[in-house]
PDB file of all heavy atoms in Angstrom:
ATOM      1  N   SER A   1       8.423   3.105  11.351  1.00  0.00           N
ATOM      2  CA  SER A   1       9.167   4.236  11.890  1.00  0.00           C
ATOM      3  C   SER A   1      10.115   3.789  12.990  1.00  0.00           C
ATOM      4  O   SER A   1       9.784   2.928  13.808  1.00  0.00           O
ATOM      5  CB  SER A   1       8.207   5.293  12.425  1.00  0.00           C
ATOM      6  OG  SER A   1       8.903   6.315  13.108  1.00  0.00           O
ATOM      7  N   ALA A   2      11.292   4.403  13.007  1.00  0.00           N
ATOM      8  CA  ALA A   2      12.248   4.111  14.068  1.00  0.00           C
ATOM      9  C   ALA A   2      11.744   4.551  15.431  1.00  0.00           C
ATOM     10  O   ALA A   2      12.291   4.129  16.453  1.00  0.00           O
ATOM     11  CB  ALA A   2      13.581   4.779  13.766  1.00  0.00           C
ATOM     12  N   SER A   3      10.711   5.376  15.444  1.00  0.00           N
ATOM     13  CA  SER A   3      10.141   5.815  16.711  1.00  0.00           C
ATOM     14  C   SER A   3       9.290   4.743  17.379  1.00  0.00           C
ATOM     15  O   SER A   3       8.910   4.906  18.541  1.00  0.00           O
ATOM     16  CB  SER A   3       9.302   7.076  16.510  1.00  0.00           C
ATOM     17  OG  SER A   3       8.170   6.821  15.706  1.00  0.00           O
ATOM     18  N   ILE A   4       8.979   3.678  16.653  1.00  0.00           N
ATOM     19  CA  ILE A   4       8.229   2.567  17.228  1.00  0.00           C
ATOM     20  C   ILE A   4       9.220   1.614  17.891  1.00  0.00           C
ATOM     21  O   ILE A   4      10.106   1.066  17.236  1.00  0.00           O
ATOM     22  CB  ILE A   4       7.405   1.818  16.178  1.00  0.00           C
ATOM     23  CG1 ILE A   4       6.438   2.777  15.471  1.00  0.00           C
ATOM     24  CG2 ILE A   4       6.646   0.662  16.815  1.00  0.00           C
ATOM     25  CD1 ILE A   4       5.667   2.137  14.344  1.00  0.00           C
ATOM     26  N   PHE A   5       9.050   1.409  19.156  1.00  0.00           N
ATOM     27  CA  PHE A   5       9.943   0.536  19.905  1.00  0.00           C
ATOM     28  C   PHE A   5       9.220  -0.730  20.350  1.00  0.00           C
ATOM     29  O   PHE A   5       8.005  -0.762  20.486  1.00  0.00           O
ATOM     30  CB  PHE A   5      10.507   1.268  21.126  1.00  0.00           C
ATOM     31  CG  PHE A   5      11.355   2.457  20.784  1.00  0.00           C
ATOM     32  CD1 PHE A   5      10.841   3.734  20.847  1.00  0.00           C
ATOM     33  CD2 PHE A   5      12.675   2.282  20.402  1.00  0.00           C
ATOM     34  CE1 PHE A   5      11.617   4.834  20.533  1.00  0.00           C
ATOM     35  CE2 PHE A   5      13.471   3.375  20.084  1.00  0.00           C
ATOM     36  CZ  PHE A   5      12.934   4.653  20.151  1.00  0.00           C
ATOM     37  N   SER A   6      10.000  -1.741  20.568  1.00  0.00           N
ATOM     38  CA  SER A   6       9.505  -3.000  21.132  1.00  0.00           C
ATOM     39  C   SER A   6       8.382  -3.608  20.304  1.00  0.00           C
ATOM     40  O   SER A   6       7.362  -4.048  20.838  1.00  0.00           O
ATOM     41  CB  SER A   6       9.040  -2.782  22.579  1.00  0.00           C
ATOM     42  OG  SER A   6      10.104  -2.326  23.394  1.00  0.00           O
ATOM     43  N   ILE A   7       8.576  -3.649  18.999  1.00  0.00           N
ATOM     44  CA  ILE A   7       7.618  -4.327  18.127  1.00  0.00           C
ATOM     45  C   ILE A   7       7.716  -5.832  18.386  1.00  0.00           C
ATOM     46  O   ILE A   7       8.798  -6.414  18.288  1.00  0.00           O
ATOM     47  CB  ILE A   7       7.897  -4.025  16.650  1.00  0.00           C
ATOM     48  CG1 ILE A   7       7.641  -2.545  16.360  1.00  0.00           C
ATOM     49  CG2 ILE A   7       7.031  -4.899  15.750  1.00  0.00           C
ATOM     50  CD1 ILE A   7       8.021  -2.124  14.959  1.00  0.00           C
ATOM     51  N   ASN A   8       6.597  -6.439  18.719  1.00  0.00           N
ATOM     52  CA  ASN A   8       6.620  -7.872  18.992  1.00  0.00           C
ATOM     53  C   ASN A   8       6.080  -8.724  17.853  1.00  0.00           C
ATOM     54  O   ASN A   8       6.230  -9.942  17.876  1.00  0.00           O
ATOM     55  CB  ASN A   8       5.897  -8.210  20.299  1.00  0.00           C
ATOM     56  CG  ASN A   8       4.469  -7.711  20.341  1.00  0.00           C
ATOM     57  OD1 ASN A   8       3.763  -7.712  19.341  1.00  0.00           O
ATOM     58  ND2 ASN A   8       4.035  -7.291  21.520  1.00  0.00           N
ATOM     59  N   ALA A   9       5.459  -8.093  16.853  1.00  0.00           N
ATOM     60  CA  ALA A   9       4.986  -8.838  15.700  1.00  0.00           C
ATOM     61  C   ALA A   9       4.765  -7.898  14.527  1.00  0.00           C
ATOM     62  O   ALA A   9       4.341  -6.754  14.707  1.00  0.00           O
ATOM     63  CB  ALA A   9       3.693  -9.587  16.012  1.00  0.00           C
ATOM     64  N   MET A  10       5.044  -8.376  13.330  1.00  0.00           N
ATOM     65  CA  MET A  10       4.691  -7.675  12.111  1.00  0.00           C
ATOM     66  C   MET A  10       4.020  -8.678  11.184  1.00  0.00           C
ATOM     67  O   MET A  10       4.349  -9.865  11.209  1.00  0.00           O
ATOM     68  CB  MET A  10       5.908  -7.047  11.439  1.00  0.00           C
ATOM     69  CG  MET A  10       6.570  -5.971  12.278  1.00  0.00           C
ATOM     70  SD  MET A  10       7.886  -5.066  11.403  1.00  0.00           S
ATOM     71  CE  MET A  10       6.891  -4.049  10.290  1.00  0.00           C
ATOM     72  N   ALA A  11       3.093  -8.189  10.391  1.00  0.00           N
ATOM     73  CA  ALA A  11       2.307  -9.094   9.569  1.00  0.00           C
ATOM     74  C   ALA A  11       1.818  -8.401   8.317  1.00  0.00           C
ATOM     75  O   ALA A  11       1.832  -7.169   8.207  1.00  0.00           O
ATOM     76  CB  ALA A  11       1.112  -9.630  10.368  1.00  0.00           C
ATOM     77  N   TRP A  12       1.397  -9.218   7.380  1.00  0.00           N
ATOM     78  CA  TRP A  12       0.713  -8.761   6.179  1.00  0.00           C
ATOM     79  C   TRP A  12      -0.713  -9.303   6.190  1.00  0.00           C
ATOM     80  O   TRP A  12      -0.924 -10.506   6.394  1.00  0.00           O
ATOM     81  CB  TRP A  12       1.420  -9.231   4.906  1.00  0.00           C
ATOM     82  CG  TRP A  12       2.730  -8.560   4.666  1.00  0.00           C
ATOM     83  CD1 TRP A  12       3.967  -9.007   5.003  1.00  0.00           C
ATOM     84  CD2 TRP A  12       2.927  -7.299   4.017  1.00  0.00           C
ATOM     85  NE1 TRP A  12       4.928  -8.114   4.610  1.00  0.00           N
ATOM     86  CE2 TRP A  12       4.314  -7.051   4.002  1.00  0.00           C
ATOM     87  CE3 TRP A  12       2.070  -6.355   3.446  1.00  0.00           C
ATOM     88  CZ2 TRP A  12       4.874  -5.901   3.444  1.00  0.00           C
ATOM     89  CZ3 TRP A  12       2.619  -5.209   2.889  1.00  0.00           C
ATOM     90  CH2 TRP A  12       4.004  -4.995   2.895  1.00  0.00           C
ATOM     91  N   PHE A  13      -1.656  -8.407   5.992  1.00  0.00           N
ATOM     92  CA  PHE A  13      -3.047  -8.755   5.782  1.00  0.00           C
ATOM     93  C   PHE A  13      -3.432  -8.364   4.360  1.00  0.00           C
ATOM     94  O   PHE A  13      -2.741  -7.582   3.709  1.00  0.00           O
ATOM     95  CB  PHE A  13      -3.964  -8.026   6.769  1.00  0.00           C
ATOM     96  CG  PHE A  13      -3.885  -8.525   8.186  1.00  0.00           C
ATOM     97  CD1 PHE A  13      -2.808  -8.212   8.998  1.00  0.00           C
ATOM     98  CD2 PHE A  13      -4.911  -9.298   8.710  1.00  0.00           C
ATOM     99  CE1 PHE A  13      -2.741  -8.660  10.298  1.00  0.00           C
ATOM    100  CE2 PHE A  13      -4.858  -9.755  10.016  1.00  0.00           C
ATOM    101  CZ  PHE A  13      -3.769  -9.438  10.815  1.00  0.00           C
ATOM    102  N   ARG A  14      -4.537  -8.894   3.885  1.00  0.00           N
ATOM    103  CA  ARG A  14      -5.061  -8.455   2.601  1.00  0.00           C
ATOM    104  C   ARG A  14      -6.579  -8.416   2.653  1.00  0.00           C
ATOM    105  O   ARG A  14      -7.215  -9.137   3.415  1.00  0.00           O
ATOM    106  CB  ARG A  14      -4.590  -9.356   1.455  1.00  0.00           C
ATOM    107  CG  ARG A  14      -5.130 -10.775   1.468  1.00  0.00           C
ATOM    108  CD  ARG A  14      -4.469 -11.594   0.355  1.00  0.00           C
ATOM    109  NE  ARG A  14      -4.964 -12.951   0.314  1.00  0.00           N
ATOM    110  CZ  ARG A  14      -4.471 -13.908  -0.460  1.00  0.00           C
ATOM    111  NH1 ARG A  14      -3.446 -13.633  -1.278  1.00  0.00           N
ATOM    112  NH2 ARG A  14      -4.985 -15.123  -0.435  1.00  0.00           N
ATOM    113  N   GLN A  15      -7.132  -7.550   1.815  1.00  0.00           N
ATOM    114  CA  GLN A  15      -8.570  -7.423   1.731  1.00  0.00           C
ATOM    115  C   GLN A  15      -8.974  -7.216   0.277  1.00  0.00           C
ATOM    116  O   GLN A  15      -8.515  -6.274  -0.373  1.00  0.00           O
ATOM    117  CB  GLN A  15      -9.083  -6.266   2.586  1.00  0.00           C
ATOM    118  CG  GLN A  15     -10.591  -6.205   2.661  1.00  0.00           C
ATOM    119  CD  GLN A  15     -11.082  -5.403   3.856  1.00  0.00           C
ATOM    120  OE1 GLN A  15     -10.376  -4.542   4.366  1.00  0.00           O
ATOM    121  NE2 GLN A  15     -12.286  -5.699   4.294  1.00  0.00           N
ATOM    122  N   ALA A  16      -9.803  -8.108  -0.215  1.00  0.00           N
ATOM    123  CA  ALA A  16     -10.341  -8.019  -1.557  1.00  0.00           C
ATOM    124  C   ALA A  16     -11.784  -7.533  -1.482  1.00  0.00           C
ATOM    125  O   ALA A  16     -12.457  -7.733  -0.464  1.00  0.00           O
ATOM    126  CB  ALA A  16     -10.272  -9.373  -2.253  1.00  0.00           C
ATOM    127  N   PRO A  17     -12.281  -6.901  -2.545  1.00  0.00           N
ATOM    128  CA  PRO A  17     -13.667  -6.428  -2.527  1.00  0.00           C
ATOM    129  C   PRO A  17     -14.654  -7.540  -2.207  1.00  0.00           C
ATOM    130  O   PRO A  17     -14.593  -8.628  -2.781  1.00  0.00           O
ATOM    131  CB  PRO A  17     -13.871  -5.896  -3.946  1.00  0.00           C
ATOM    132  CG  PRO A  17     -12.501  -5.525  -4.402  1.00  0.00           C
ATOM    133  CD  PRO A  17     -11.594  -6.551  -3.792  1.00  0.00           C
ATOM    134  N   GLY A  18     -15.559  -7.268  -1.276  1.00  0.00           N
ATOM    135  CA  GLY A  18     -16.576  -8.230  -0.912  1.00  0.00           C
ATOM    136  C   GLY A  18     -16.114  -9.344  -0.002  1.00  0.00           C
ATOM    137  O   GLY A  18     -16.900 -10.249   0.299  1.00  0.00           O
ATOM    138  N   LYS A  19     -14.867  -9.302   0.430  1.00  0.00           N
ATOM    139  CA  LYS A  19     -14.341 -10.352   1.286  1.00  0.00           C
ATOM    140  C   LYS A  19     -13.816  -9.766   2.592  1.00  0.00           C
ATOM    141  O   LYS A  19     -13.497  -8.583   2.682  1.00  0.00           O
ATOM    142  CB  LYS A  19     -13.225 -11.125   0.577  1.00  0.00           C
ATOM    143  CG  LYS A  19     -13.683 -11.883  -0.655  1.00  0.00           C
ATOM    144  CD  LYS A  19     -12.557 -12.719  -1.236  1.00  0.00           C
ATOM    145  CE  LYS A  19     -13.024 -13.519  -2.436  1.00  0.00           C
ATOM    146  NZ  LYS A  19     -11.925 -14.348  -2.987  1.00  0.00           N
ATOM    147  N   GLN A  20     -13.729 -10.617   3.594  1.00  0.00           N
ATOM    148  CA  GLN A  20     -13.195 -10.213   4.885  1.00  0.00           C
ATOM    149  C   GLN A  20     -11.683 -10.036   4.803  1.00  0.00           C
ATOM    150  O   GLN A  20     -11.002 -10.697   4.018  1.00  0.00           O
ATOM    151  CB  GLN A  20     -13.532 -11.260   5.949  1.00  0.00           C
ATOM    152  CG  GLN A  20     -15.018 -11.447   6.193  1.00  0.00           C
ATOM    153  CD  GLN A  20     -15.640 -10.251   6.854  1.00  0.00           C
ATOM    154  OE1 GLN A  20     -15.056  -9.647   7.749  1.00  0.00           O
ATOM    155  NE2 GLN A  20     -16.835  -9.890   6.403  1.00  0.00           N
ATOM    156  N   ARG A  21     -11.177  -9.132   5.619  1.00  0.00           N
ATOM    157  CA  ARG A  21      -9.744  -8.991   5.735  1.00  0.00           C
ATOM    158  C   ARG A  21      -9.165 -10.281   6.316  1.00  0.00           C
ATOM    159  O   ARG A  21      -9.707 -10.847   7.273  1.00  0.00           O
ATOM    160  CB  ARG A  21      -9.396  -7.802   6.624  1.00  0.00           C
ATOM    161  CG  ARG A  21      -7.910  -7.540   6.768  1.00  0.00           C
ATOM    162  CD  ARG A  21      -7.638  -6.255   7.541  1.00  0.00           C
ATOM    163  NE  ARG A  21      -8.143  -5.090   6.832  1.00  0.00           N
ATOM    164  CZ  ARG A  21      -8.032  -3.843   7.270  1.00  0.00           C
ATOM    165  NH1 ARG A  21      -7.433  -3.601   8.423  1.00  0.00           N
ATOM    166  NH2 ARG A  21      -8.523  -2.842   6.550  1.00  0.00           N
ATOM    167  N   GLU A  22      -8.075 -10.750   5.739  1.00  0.00           N
ATOM    168  CA  GLU A  22      -7.491 -11.998   6.192  1.00  0.00           C
ATOM    169  C   GLU A  22      -5.998 -11.842   6.442  1.00  0.00           C
ATOM    170  O   GLU A  22      -5.314 -11.055   5.781  1.00  0.00           O
ATOM    171  CB  GLU A  22      -7.729 -13.123   5.176  1.00  0.00           C
ATOM    172  CG  GLU A  22      -7.037 -12.930   3.844  1.00  0.00           C
ATOM    173  CD  GLU A  22      -7.145 -14.134   2.927  1.00  0.00           C
ATOM    174  OE1 GLU A  22      -7.340 -15.258   3.426  1.00  0.00           O
ATOM    175  OE2 GLU A  22      -7.042 -13.943   1.698  1.00  0.00           O
ATOM    176  N   LEU A  23      -5.514 -12.608   7.386  1.00  0.00           N
ATOM    177  CA  LEU A  23      -4.087 -12.661   7.666  1.00  0.00           C
ATOM    178  C   LEU A  23      -3.394 -13.470   6.582  1.00  0.00           C
ATOM    179  O   LEU A  23      -3.790 -14.595   6.289  1.00  0.00           O
ATOM    180  CB  LEU A  23      -3.840 -13.292   9.033  1.00  0.00           C
ATOM    181  CG  LEU A  23      -2.378 -13.528   9.412  1.00  0.00           C
ATOM    182  CD1 LEU A  23      -1.648 -12.209   9.592  1.00  0.00           C
ATOM    183  CD2 LEU A  23      -2.281 -14.367  10.686  1.00  0.00           C
ATOM    184  N   VAL A  24      -2.362 -12.895   5.992  1.00  0.00           N
ATOM    185  CA  VAL A  24      -1.583 -13.570   4.966  1.00  0.00           C
ATOM    186  C   VAL A  24      -0.349 -14.236   5.575  1.00  0.00           C
ATOM    187  O   VAL A  24      -0.079 -15.413   5.332  1.00  0.00           O
ATOM    188  CB  VAL A  24      -1.160 -12.595   3.856  1.00  0.00           C
ATOM    189  CG1 VAL A  24      -0.285 -13.295   2.821  1.00  0.00           C
ATOM    190  CG2 VAL A  24      -2.389 -11.980   3.196  1.00  0.00           C
ATOM    191  N   ALA A  25       0.407 -13.474   6.339  1.00  0.00           N
ATOM    192  CA  ALA A  25       1.630 -13.981   6.952  1.00  0.00           C
ATOM    193  C   ALA A  25       1.982 -13.126   8.144  1.00  0.00           C
ATOM    194  O   ALA A  25       1.728 -11.925   8.158  1.00  0.00           O
ATOM    195  CB  ALA A  25       2.790 -13.996   5.953  1.00  0.00           C
ATOM    196  N   LEU A  26       2.580 -13.739   9.147  1.00  0.00           N
ATOM    197  CA  LEU A  26       2.956 -13.044  10.372  1.00  0.00           C
ATOM    198  C   LEU A  26       4.300 -13.547  10.859  1.00  0.00           C
ATOM    199  O   LEU A  26       4.592 -14.744  10.760  1.00  0.00           O
ATOM    200  CB  LEU A  26       1.886 -13.258  11.451  1.00  0.00           C
ATOM    201  CG  LEU A  26       2.120 -12.624  12.826  1.00  0.00           C
ATOM    202  CD1 LEU A  26       0.794 -12.166  13.433  1.00  0.00           C
ATOM    203  CD2 LEU A  26       2.806 -13.606  13.775  1.00  0.00           C
ATOM    204  N   ILE A  27       5.103 -12.643  11.389  1.00  0.00           N
ATOM    205  CA  ILE A  27       6.373 -13.013  11.993  1.00  0.00           C
ATOM    206  C   ILE A  27       6.493 -12.299  13.324  1.00  0.00           C
ATOM    207  O   ILE A  27       6.259 -11.096  13.426  1.00  0.00           O
ATOM    208  CB  ILE A  27       7.564 -12.703  11.054  1.00  0.00           C
ATOM    209  CG1 ILE A  27       8.879 -13.191  11.672  1.00  0.00           C
ATOM    210  CG2 ILE A  27       7.627 -11.229  10.694  1.00  0.00           C
ATOM    211  CD1 ILE A  27      10.036 -13.206  10.681  1.00  0.00           C
ATOM    212  N   THR A  28       6.851 -13.030  14.369  1.00  0.00           N
ATOM    213  CA  THR A  28       6.974 -12.470  15.704  1.00  0.00           C
ATOM    214  C   THR A  28       8.422 -12.114  15.999  1.00  0.00           C
ATOM    215  O   THR A  28       9.341 -12.474  15.265  1.00  0.00           O
ATOM    216  CB  THR A  28       6.470 -13.448  16.772  1.00  0.00           C
ATOM    217  OG1 THR A  28       7.389 -14.547  16.877  1.00  0.00           O
ATOM    218  CG2 THR A  28       5.087 -13.977  16.426  1.00  0.00           C
ATOM    219  N   SER A  29       8.625 -11.408  17.099  1.00  0.00           N
ATOM    220  CA  SER A  29       9.972 -11.026  17.502  1.00  0.00           C
ATOM    221  C   SER A  29      10.834 -12.234  17.830  1.00  0.00           C
ATOM    222  O   SER A  29      12.062 -12.158  17.740  1.00  0.00           O
ATOM    223  CB  SER A  29       9.913 -10.083  18.705  1.00  0.00           C
ATOM    224  OG  SER A  29       9.263 -10.693  19.800  1.00  0.00           O
ATOM    225  N   SER A  30      10.213 -13.335  18.204  1.00  0.00           N
ATOM    226  CA  SER A  30      10.950 -14.556  18.498  1.00  0.00           C
ATOM    227  C   SER A  30      11.243 -15.384  17.252  1.00  0.00           C
ATOM    228  O   SER A  30      11.927 -16.401  17.343  1.00  0.00           O
ATOM    229  CB  SER A  30      10.182 -15.408  19.506  1.00  0.00           C
ATOM    230  OG  SER A  30       8.952 -15.842  18.974  1.00  0.00           O
ATOM    231  N   GLY A  31      10.714 -14.963  16.105  1.00  0.00           N
ATOM    232  CA  GLY A  31      10.987 -15.653  14.860  1.00  0.00           C
ATOM    233  C   GLY A  31       9.924 -16.621  14.410  1.00  0.00           C
ATOM    234  O   GLY A  31      10.092 -17.275  13.365  1.00  0.00           O
ATOM    235  N   THR A  32       8.843 -16.739  15.143  1.00  0.00           N
ATOM    236  CA  THR A  32       7.765 -17.628  14.738  1.00  0.00           C
ATOM    237  C   THR A  32       7.033 -17.058  13.530  1.00  0.00           C
ATOM    238  O   THR A  32       6.671 -15.887  13.515  1.00  0.00           O
ATOM    239  CB  THR A  32       6.777 -17.839  15.892  1.00  0.00           C
ATOM    240  OG1 THR A  32       7.469 -18.405  17.010  1.00  0.00           O
ATOM    241  CG2 THR A  32       5.654 -18.779  15.471  1.00  0.00           C
ATOM    242  N   ILE A  33       6.811 -17.884  12.536  1.00  0.00           N
ATOM    243  CA  ILE A  33       6.173 -17.466  11.288  1.00  0.00           C
ATOM    244  C   ILE A  33       4.935 -18.312  11.045  1.00  0.00           C
ATOM    245  O   ILE A  33       4.953 -19.534  11.228  1.00  0.00           O
ATOM    246  CB  ILE A  33       7.142 -17.603  10.103  1.00  0.00           C
ATOM    247  CG1 ILE A  33       8.336 -16.658  10.268  1.00  0.00           C
ATOM    248  CG2 ILE A  33       6.415 -17.337   8.787  1.00  0.00           C
ATOM    249  CD1 ILE A  33       9.421 -16.844   9.230  1.00  0.00           C
ATOM    250  N   THR A  34       3.870 -17.648  10.641  1.00  0.00           N
ATOM    251  CA  THR A  34       2.655 -18.341  10.235  1.00  0.00           C
ATOM    252  C   THR A  34       2.205 -17.808   8.883  1.00  0.00           C
ATOM    253  O   THR A  34       2.408 -16.638   8.563  1.00  0.00           O
ATOM    254  CB  THR A  34       1.526 -18.176  11.260  1.00  0.00           C
ATOM    255  OG1 THR A  34       1.239 -16.780  11.443  1.00  0.00           O
ATOM    256  CG2 THR A  34       1.911 -18.784  12.598  1.00  0.00           C
ATOM    257  N   TYR A  35       1.582 -18.689   8.099  1.00  0.00           N
ATOM    258  CA  TYR A  35       1.051 -18.331   6.792  1.00  0.00           C
ATOM    259  C   TYR A  35      -0.384 -18.804   6.665  1.00  0.00           C
ATOM    260  O   TYR A  35      -0.778 -19.823   7.240  1.00  0.00           O
ATOM    261  CB  TYR A  35       1.847 -18.980   5.661  1.00  0.00           C
ATOM    262  CG  TYR A  35       3.275 -18.521   5.521  1.00  0.00           C
ATOM    263  CD1 TYR A  35       4.322 -19.296   6.005  1.00  0.00           C
ATOM    264  CD2 TYR A  35       3.581 -17.323   4.886  1.00  0.00           C
ATOM    265  CE1 TYR A  35       5.636 -18.888   5.866  1.00  0.00           C
ATOM    266  CE2 TYR A  35       4.889 -16.909   4.750  1.00  0.00           C
ATOM    267  CZ  TYR A  35       5.913 -17.694   5.237  1.00  0.00           C
ATOM    268  OH  TYR A  35       7.212 -17.281   5.092  1.00  0.00           O
TER     269      TYR A  35
END
């Protein structure tokens, strides 16, 4: 939403049945990316 200001990170997580939620990929406001 455009009403959200000053987002410092966005990411994708995933969760499969019987498994823990895990970080898939993340990108910060400074451009740092992790997979």
